[in-house]
Amino acid sequence: MTTKYAIARELIDQLHQYADSNGLDKTDVEEATLILLIQALKNSRGSESMRGLLQYEIDNLGTSVFEIQRGSGHS
């Protein structure tokens, strides 16, 4: 069974390939993708949900553990 994280990882790998083939910096493409994903999620889930998700991720930037948060909007 394919997970949503496996699909996302595959898309990131494809973004890197597209960046390389177009002479773009991978980090710049990741940043642009992040910005557009935040906007898309804000439109589908609302500003407060996005604020909570982003705050959770910001609060965990210093950790080396990848946690899959369970609960509203994070499953």
PDB file of N, CA and C in Angstrom:
ATOM      1  N   MET A   1       0.847  -1.189   0.000  1.00  0.00           N
ATOM      2  CA  MET A   1       0.000   0.000   0.000  1.00  0.00           C
ATOM      3  C   MET A   1       0.891   1.250   0.000  1.00  0.00           C
ATOM      4  N   THR A   2       0.613   2.159  -0.877  1.00  0.00           N
ATOM      5  CA  THR A   2       1.341   3.414  -0.949  1.00  0.00           C
ATOM      6  C   THR A   2       0.774   4.375   0.085  1.00  0.00           C
ATOM      7  N   THR A   3       1.664   5.042   0.796  1.00  0.00           N
ATOM      8  CA  THR A   3       1.219   6.011   1.788  1.00  0.00           C
ATOM      9  C   THR A   3       1.288   7.420   1.212  1.00  0.00           C
ATOM     10  N   LYS A   4       0.628   8.336   1.865  1.00  0.00           N
ATOM     11  CA  LYS A   4       0.668   9.734   1.434  1.00  0.00           C
ATOM     12  C   LYS A   4       2.084  10.285   1.543  1.00  0.00           C
ATOM     13  N   TYR A   5       2.858   9.784   2.497  1.00  0.00           N
ATOM     14  CA  TYR A   5       4.233  10.243   2.649  1.00  0.00           C
ATOM     15  C   TYR A   5       5.126   9.712   1.535  1.00  0.00           C
ATOM     16  N   ALA A   6       4.861   8.488   1.082  1.00  0.00           N
ATOM     17  CA  ALA A   6       5.618   7.927  -0.043  1.00  0.00           C
ATOM     18  C   ALA A   6       5.320   8.710  -1.317  1.00  0.00           C
ATOM     19  N   ILE A   7       4.066   9.078  -1.506  1.00  0.00           N
ATOM     20  CA  ILE A   7       3.685   9.879  -2.674  1.00  0.00           C
ATOM     21  C   ILE A   7       4.366  11.249  -2.609  1.00  0.00           C
ATOM     22  N   ALA A   8       4.334  11.877  -1.442  1.00  0.00           N
ATOM     23  CA  ALA A   8       4.969  13.191  -1.286  1.00  0.00           C
ATOM     24  C   ALA A   8       6.470  13.097  -1.529  1.00  0.00           C
ATOM     25  N   ARG A   9       7.113  12.049  -1.037  1.00  0.00           N
ATOM     26  CA  ARG A   9       8.554  11.869  -1.246  1.00  0.00           C
ATOM     27  C   ARG A   9       8.853  11.720  -2.736  1.00  0.00           C
ATOM     28  N   GLU A  10       8.012  10.965  -3.427  1.00  0.00           N
ATOM     29  CA  GLU A  10       8.179  10.785  -4.872  1.00  0.00           C
ATOM     30  C   GLU A  10       8.033  12.115  -5.613  1.00  0.00           C
ATOM     31  N   LEU A  11       7.071  12.916  -5.211  1.00  0.00           N
ATOM     32  CA  LEU A  11       6.882  14.229  -5.838  1.00  0.00           C
ATOM     33  C   LEU A  11       8.068  15.148  -5.594  1.00  0.00           C
ATOM     34  N   ILE A  12       8.631  15.088  -4.391  1.00  0.00           N
ATOM     35  CA  ILE A  12       9.811  15.900  -4.099  1.00  0.00           C
ATOM     36  C   ILE A  12      10.982  15.463  -4.974  1.00  0.00           C
ATOM     37  N   ASP A  13      11.151  14.157  -5.127  1.00  0.00           N
ATOM     38  CA  ASP A  13      12.215  13.653  -6.003  1.00  0.00           C
ATOM     39  C   ASP A  13      12.003  14.131  -7.443  1.00  0.00           C
ATOM     40  N   GLN A  14      10.760  14.138  -7.898  1.00  0.00           N
ATOM     41  CA  GLN A  14      10.452  14.622  -9.245  1.00  0.00           C
ATOM     42  C   GLN A  14      10.728  16.116  -9.369  1.00  0.00           C
ATOM     43  N   LEU A  15      10.388  16.889  -8.331  1.00  0.00           N
ATOM     44  CA  LEU A  15      10.691  18.333  -8.330  1.00  0.00           C
ATOM     45  C   LEU A  15      12.184  18.569  -8.486  1.00  0.00           C
ATOM     46  N   HIS A  16      12.979  17.779  -7.781  1.00  0.00           N
ATOM     47  CA  HIS A  16      14.433  17.917  -7.877  1.00  0.00           C
ATOM     48  C   HIS A  16      14.914  17.602  -9.288  1.00  0.00           C
ATOM     49  N   GLN A  17      14.347  16.585  -9.904  1.00  0.00           N
ATOM     50  CA  GLN A  17      14.717  16.241 -11.282  1.00  0.00           C
ATOM     51  C   GLN A  17      14.338  17.365 -12.236  1.00  0.00           C
ATOM     52  N   TYR A  18      13.133  17.924 -12.071  1.00  0.00           N
ATOM     53  CA  TYR A  18      12.691  19.038 -12.921  1.00  0.00           C
ATOM     54  C   TYR A  18      13.588  20.247 -12.721  1.00  0.00           C
ATOM     55  N   ALA A  19      13.952  20.528 -11.468  1.00  0.00           N
ATOM     56  CA  ALA A  19      14.841  21.662 -11.193  1.00  0.00           C
ATOM     57  C   ALA A  19      16.173  21.459 -11.893  1.00  0.00           C
ATOM     58  N   ASP A  20      16.748  20.276 -11.745  1.00  0.00           N
ATOM     59  CA  ASP A  20      18.032  19.979 -12.394  1.00  0.00           C
ATOM     60  C   ASP A  20      17.943  20.121 -13.912  1.00  0.00           C
ATOM     61  N   SER A  21      16.886  19.573 -14.495  1.00  0.00           N
ATOM     62  CA  SER A  21      16.768  19.589 -15.956  1.00  0.00           C
ATOM     63  C   SER A  21      16.487  20.980 -16.509  1.00  0.00           C
ATOM     64  N   ASN A  22      16.041  21.893 -15.643  1.00  0.00           N
ATOM     65  CA  ASN A  22      15.762  23.271 -16.072  1.00  0.00           C
ATOM     66  C   ASN A  22      16.766  24.274 -15.536  1.00  0.00           C
ATOM     67  N   GLY A  23      17.848  23.773 -14.951  1.00  0.00           N
ATOM     68  CA  GLY A  23      18.898  24.648 -14.453  1.00  0.00           C
ATOM     69  C   GLY A  23      18.487  25.505 -13.272  1.00  0.00           C
ATOM     70  N   LEU A  24      17.551  25.010 -12.465  1.00  0.00           N
ATOM     71  CA  LEU A  24      17.068  25.762 -11.308  1.00  0.00           C
ATOM     72  C   LEU A  24      17.639  25.174 -10.022  1.00  0.00           C
ATOM     73  N   ASP A  25      17.758  26.014  -9.027  1.00  0.00           N
ATOM     74  CA  ASP A  25      18.210  25.573  -7.724  1.00  0.00           C
ATOM     75  C   ASP A  25      17.105  24.752  -7.038  1.00  0.00           C
ATOM     76  N   LYS A  26      17.461  23.565  -6.545  1.00  0.00           N
ATOM     77  CA  LYS A  26      16.467  22.684  -5.912  1.00  0.00           C
ATOM     78  C   LYS A  26      15.797  23.362  -4.709  1.00  0.00           C
ATOM     79  N   THR A  27      16.575  24.090  -3.927  1.00  0.00           N
ATOM     80  CA  THR A  27      16.024  24.751  -2.748  1.00  0.00           C
ATOM     81  C   THR A  27      15.024  25.831  -3.141  1.00  0.00           C
ATOM     82  N   ASP A  28      15.305  26.562  -4.210  1.00  0.00           N
ATOM     83  CA  ASP A  28      14.361  27.573  -4.691  1.00  0.00           C
ATOM     84  C   ASP A  28      13.051  26.931  -5.129  1.00  0.00           C
ATOM     85  N   VAL A  29      13.144  25.786  -5.789  1.00  0.00           N
ATOM     86  CA  VAL A  29      11.942  25.086  -6.243  1.00  0.00           C
ATOM     87  C   VAL A  29      11.175  24.530  -5.041  1.00  0.00           C
ATOM     88  N   GLU A  30      11.888  24.022  -4.040  1.00  0.00           N
ATOM     89  CA  GLU A  30      11.227  23.547  -2.822  1.00  0.00           C
ATOM     90  C   GLU A  30      10.499  24.693  -2.122  1.00  0.00           C
ATOM     91  N   GLU A  31      11.149  25.849  -2.045  1.00  0.00           N
ATOM     92  CA  GLU A  31      10.546  27.016  -1.398  1.00  0.00           C
ATOM     93  C   GLU A  31       9.276  27.454  -2.135  1.00  0.00           C
ATOM     94  N   ALA A  32       9.346  27.529  -3.444  1.00  0.00           N
ATOM     95  CA  ALA A  32       8.177  27.923  -4.232  1.00  0.00           C
ATOM     96  C   ALA A  32       7.045  26.910  -4.053  1.00  0.00           C
ATOM     97  N   THR A  33       7.397  25.641  -4.010  1.00  0.00           N
ATOM     98  CA  THR A  33       6.399  24.588  -3.814  1.00  0.00           C
ATOM     99  C   THR A  33       5.762  24.707  -2.437  1.00  0.00           C
ATOM    100  N   LEU A  34       6.571  24.949  -1.417  1.00  0.00           N
ATOM    101  CA  LEU A  34       6.052  25.115  -0.061  1.00  0.00           C
ATOM    102  C   LEU A  34       5.062  26.272   0.005  1.00  0.00           C
ATOM    103  N   ILE A  35       5.417  27.389  -0.583  1.00  0.00           N
ATOM    104  CA  ILE A  35       4.532  28.564  -0.571  1.00  0.00           C
ATOM    105  C   ILE A  35       3.207  28.257  -1.248  1.00  0.00           C
ATOM    106  N   LEU A  36       3.272  27.610  -2.408  1.00  0.00           N
ATOM    107  CA  LEU A  36       2.034  27.273  -3.119  1.00  0.00           C
ATOM    108  C   LEU A  36       1.214  26.221  -2.379  1.00  0.00           C
ATOM    109  N   LEU A  37       1.869  25.268  -1.724  1.00  0.00           N
ATOM    110  CA  LEU A  37       1.143  24.268  -0.931  1.00  0.00           C
ATOM    111  C   LEU A  37       0.465  24.895   0.282  1.00  0.00           C
ATOM    112  N   ILE A  38       1.139  25.838   0.921  1.00  0.00           N
ATOM    113  CA  ILE A  38       0.527  26.535   2.058  1.00  0.00           C
ATOM    114  C   ILE A  38      -0.733  27.261   1.604  1.00  0.00           C
ATOM    115  N   GLN A  39      -0.650  27.944   0.467  1.00  0.00           N
ATOM    116  CA  GLN A  39      -1.826  28.648  -0.059  1.00  0.00           C
ATOM    117  C   GLN A  39      -2.956  27.676  -0.398  1.00  0.00           C
ATOM    118  N   ALA A  40      -2.620  26.557  -1.025  1.00  0.00           N
ATOM    119  CA  ALA A  40      -3.638  25.566  -1.392  1.00  0.00           C
ATOM    120  C   ALA A  40      -4.295  24.979  -0.146  1.00  0.00           C
ATOM    121  N   LEU A  41      -3.488  24.645   0.868  1.00  0.00           N
ATOM    122  CA  LEU A  41      -4.051  24.098   2.104  1.00  0.00           C
ATOM    123  C   LEU A  41      -4.877  25.132   2.855  1.00  0.00           C
ATOM    124  N   LYS A  42      -4.422  26.380   2.837  1.00  0.00           N
ATOM    125  CA  LYS A  42      -5.200  27.446   3.479  1.00  0.00           C
ATOM    126  C   LYS A  42      -6.569  27.554   2.812  1.00  0.00           C
ATOM    127  N   ASN A  43      -6.596  27.457   1.500  1.00  0.00           N
ATOM    128  CA  ASN A  43      -7.862  27.548   0.772  1.00  0.00           C
ATOM    129  C   ASN A  43      -8.774  26.353   1.051  1.00  0.00           C
ATOM    130  N   SER A  44      -8.194  25.179   1.252  1.00  0.00           N
ATOM    131  CA  SER A  44      -9.038  24.002   1.466  1.00  0.00           C
ATOM    132  C   SER A  44      -9.356  23.746   2.935  1.00  0.00           C
ATOM    133  N   ARG A  45      -8.454  24.121   3.849  1.00  0.00           N
ATOM    134  CA  ARG A  45      -8.663  23.812   5.277  1.00  0.00           C
ATOM    135  C   ARG A  45      -8.924  25.040   6.132  1.00  0.00           C
ATOM    136  N   GLY A  46      -8.614  26.209   5.619  1.00  0.00           N
ATOM    137  CA  GLY A  46      -8.832  27.432   6.379  1.00  0.00           C
ATOM    138  C   GLY A  46      -7.562  27.928   7.045  1.00  0.00           C
ATOM    139  N   SER A  47      -7.565  29.201   7.350  1.00  0.00           N
ATOM    140  CA  SER A  47      -6.390  29.872   7.915  1.00  0.00           C
ATOM    141  C   SER A  47      -6.008  29.343   9.288  1.00  0.00           C
ATOM    142  N   GLU A  48      -6.974  29.120  10.146  1.00  0.00           N
ATOM    143  CA  GLU A  48      -6.666  28.670  11.513  1.00  0.00           C
ATOM    144  C   GLU A  48      -6.056  27.277  11.507  1.00  0.00           C
ATOM    145  N   SER A  49      -6.570  26.391  10.682  1.00  0.00           N
ATOM    146  CA  SER A  49      -6.011  25.046  10.582  1.00  0.00           C
ATOM    147  C   SER A  49      -4.575  25.102  10.093  1.00  0.00           C
ATOM    148  N   MET A  50      -4.325  25.936   9.097  1.00  0.00           N
ATOM    149  CA  MET A  50      -2.967  26.089   8.569  1.00  0.00           C
ATOM    150  C   MET A  50      -2.045  26.703   9.603  1.00  0.00           C
ATOM    151  N   ARG A  51      -2.542  27.671  10.337  1.00  0.00           N
ATOM    152  CA  ARG A  51      -1.723  28.300  11.374  1.00  0.00           C
ATOM    153  C   ARG A  51      -1.299  27.256  12.405  1.00  0.00           C
ATOM    154  N   GLY A  52      -2.227  26.396  12.800  1.00  0.00           N
ATOM    155  CA  GLY A  52      -1.909  25.343  13.767  1.00  0.00           C
ATOM    156  C   GLY A  52      -0.904  24.349  13.224  1.00  0.00           C
ATOM    157  N   LEU A  53      -1.081  23.929  11.982  1.00  0.00           N
ATOM    158  CA  LEU A  53      -0.157  22.986  11.356  1.00  0.00           C
ATOM    159  C   LEU A  53       1.238  23.592  11.241  1.00  0.00           C
ATOM    160  N   LEU A  54       1.313  24.816  10.757  1.00  0.00           N
ATOM    161  CA  LEU A  54       2.614  25.475  10.598  1.00  0.00           C
ATOM    162  C   LEU A  54       3.289  25.710  11.945  1.00  0.00           C
ATOM    163  N   GLN A  55       2.519  26.099  12.958  1.00  0.00           N
ATOM    164  CA  GLN A  55       3.101  26.317  14.285  1.00  0.00           C
ATOM    165  C   GLN A  55       3.645  25.016  14.844  1.00  0.00           C
ATOM    166  N   TYR A  56       2.917  23.920  14.662  1.00  0.00           N
ATOM    167  CA  TYR A  56       3.385  22.607  15.116  1.00  0.00           C
ATOM    168  C   TYR A  56       4.717  22.261  14.450  1.00  0.00           C
ATOM    169  N   GLU A  57       4.806  22.467  13.148  1.00  0.00           N
ATOM    170  CA  GLU A  57       6.030  22.150  12.416  1.00  0.00           C
ATOM    171  C   GLU A  57       7.175  23.071  12.822  1.00  0.00           C
ATOM    172  N   ILE A  58       6.886  24.356  13.022  1.00  0.00           N
ATOM    173  CA  ILE A  58       7.916  25.310  13.460  1.00  0.00           C
ATOM    174  C   ILE A  58       8.433  24.912  14.843  1.00  0.00           C
ATOM    175  N   ASP A  59       7.532  24.548  15.735  1.00  0.00           N
ATOM    176  CA  ASP A  59       7.929  24.156  17.085  1.00  0.00           C
ATOM    177  C   ASP A  59       8.809  22.911  17.092  1.00  0.00           C
ATOM    178  N   ASN A  60       8.720  22.089  16.053  1.00  0.00           N
ATOM    179  CA  ASN A  60       9.483  20.845  15.989  1.00  0.00           C
ATOM    180  C   ASN A  60      10.683  20.914  15.050  1.00  0.00           C
ATOM    181  N   LEU A  61      11.048  22.108  14.587  1.00  0.00           N
ATOM    182  CA  LEU A  61      12.189  22.250  13.680  1.00  0.00           C
ATOM    183  C   LEU A  61      13.502  21.782  14.303  1.00  0.00           C
ATOM    184  N   GLY A  62      13.670  21.946  15.583  1.00  0.00           N
ATOM    185  CA  GLY A  62      14.919  21.583  16.237  1.00  0.00           C
ATOM    186  C   GLY A  62      15.064  20.104  16.549  1.00  0.00           C
ATOM    187  N   THR A  63      14.018  19.332  16.325  1.00  0.00           N
ATOM    188  CA  THR A  63      14.095  17.908  16.645  1.00  0.00           C
ATOM    189  C   THR A  63      14.618  17.131  15.454  1.00  0.00           C
ATOM    190  N   SER A  64      15.236  16.012  15.746  1.00  0.00           N
ATOM    191  CA  SER A  64      15.745  15.164  14.673  1.00  0.00           C
ATOM    192  C   SER A  64      14.801  14.004  14.387  1.00  0.00           C
ATOM    193  N   VAL A  65      13.679  13.979  15.067  1.00  0.00           N
ATOM    194  CA  VAL A  65      12.717  12.893  14.905  1.00  0.00           C
ATOM    195  C   VAL A  65      11.599  13.344  14.001  1.00  0.00           C
ATOM    196  N   PHE A  66      11.298  12.503  13.003  1.00  0.00           N
ATOM    197  CA  PHE A  66      10.165  12.776  12.133  1.00  0.00           C
ATOM    198  C   PHE A  66       8.939  12.191  12.791  1.00  0.00           C
ATOM    199  N   GLU A  67       8.035  13.055  13.198  1.00  0.00           N
ATOM    200  CA  GLU A  67       6.819  12.599  13.843  1.00  0.00           C
ATOM    201  C   GLU A  67       5.652  12.741  12.895  1.00  0.00           C
ATOM    202  N   ILE A  68       4.823  11.728  12.841  1.00  0.00           N
ATOM    203  CA  ILE A  68       3.594  11.812  12.072  1.00  0.00           C
ATOM    204  C   ILE A  68       2.497  12.126  13.074  1.00  0.00           C
ATOM    205  N   GLN A  69       2.080  13.389  13.061  1.00  0.00           N
ATOM    206  CA  GLN A  69       1.072  13.829  14.015  1.00  0.00           C
ATOM    207  C   GLN A  69      -0.281  13.266  13.615  1.00  0.00           C
ATOM    208  N   ARG A  70      -0.989  12.776  14.572  1.00  0.00           N
ATOM    209  CA  ARG A  70      -2.348  12.293  14.351  1.00  0.00           C
ATOM    210  C   ARG A  70      -3.313  13.314  14.920  1.00  0.00           C
ATOM    211  N   GLY A  71      -4.427  13.469  14.258  1.00  0.00           N
ATOM    212  CA  GLY A  71      -5.421  14.397  14.761  1.00  0.00           C
ATOM    213  C   GLY A  71      -5.940  15.266  13.643  1.00  0.00           C
ATOM    214  N   SER A  72      -6.682  16.244  14.001  1.00  0.00           N
ATOM    215  CA  SER A  72      -7.351  17.113  13.050  1.00  0.00           C
ATOM    216  C   SER A  72      -6.385  17.748  12.067  1.00  0.00           C
ATOM    217  N   GLY A  73      -6.544  17.405  10.798  1.00  0.00           N
ATOM    218  CA  GLY A  73      -5.771  18.033   9.746  1.00  0.00           C
ATOM    219  C   GLY A  73      -4.363  17.526   9.583  1.00  0.00           C
ATOM    220  N   HIS A  74      -3.958  16.543  10.368  1.00  0.00           N
ATOM    221  CA  HIS A  74      -2.576  16.102  10.332  1.00  0.00           C
ATOM    222  C   HIS A  74      -2.417  14.612  10.100  1.00  0.00           C
ATOM    223  N   SER A  75      -3.499  13.906   9.809  1.00  0.00           N
ATOM    224  CA  SER A  75      -3.391  12.453   9.685  1.00  0.00           C
ATOM    225  C   SER A  75      -2.805  12.040   8.354  1.00  0.00           C
TER     226      SER A  75
END
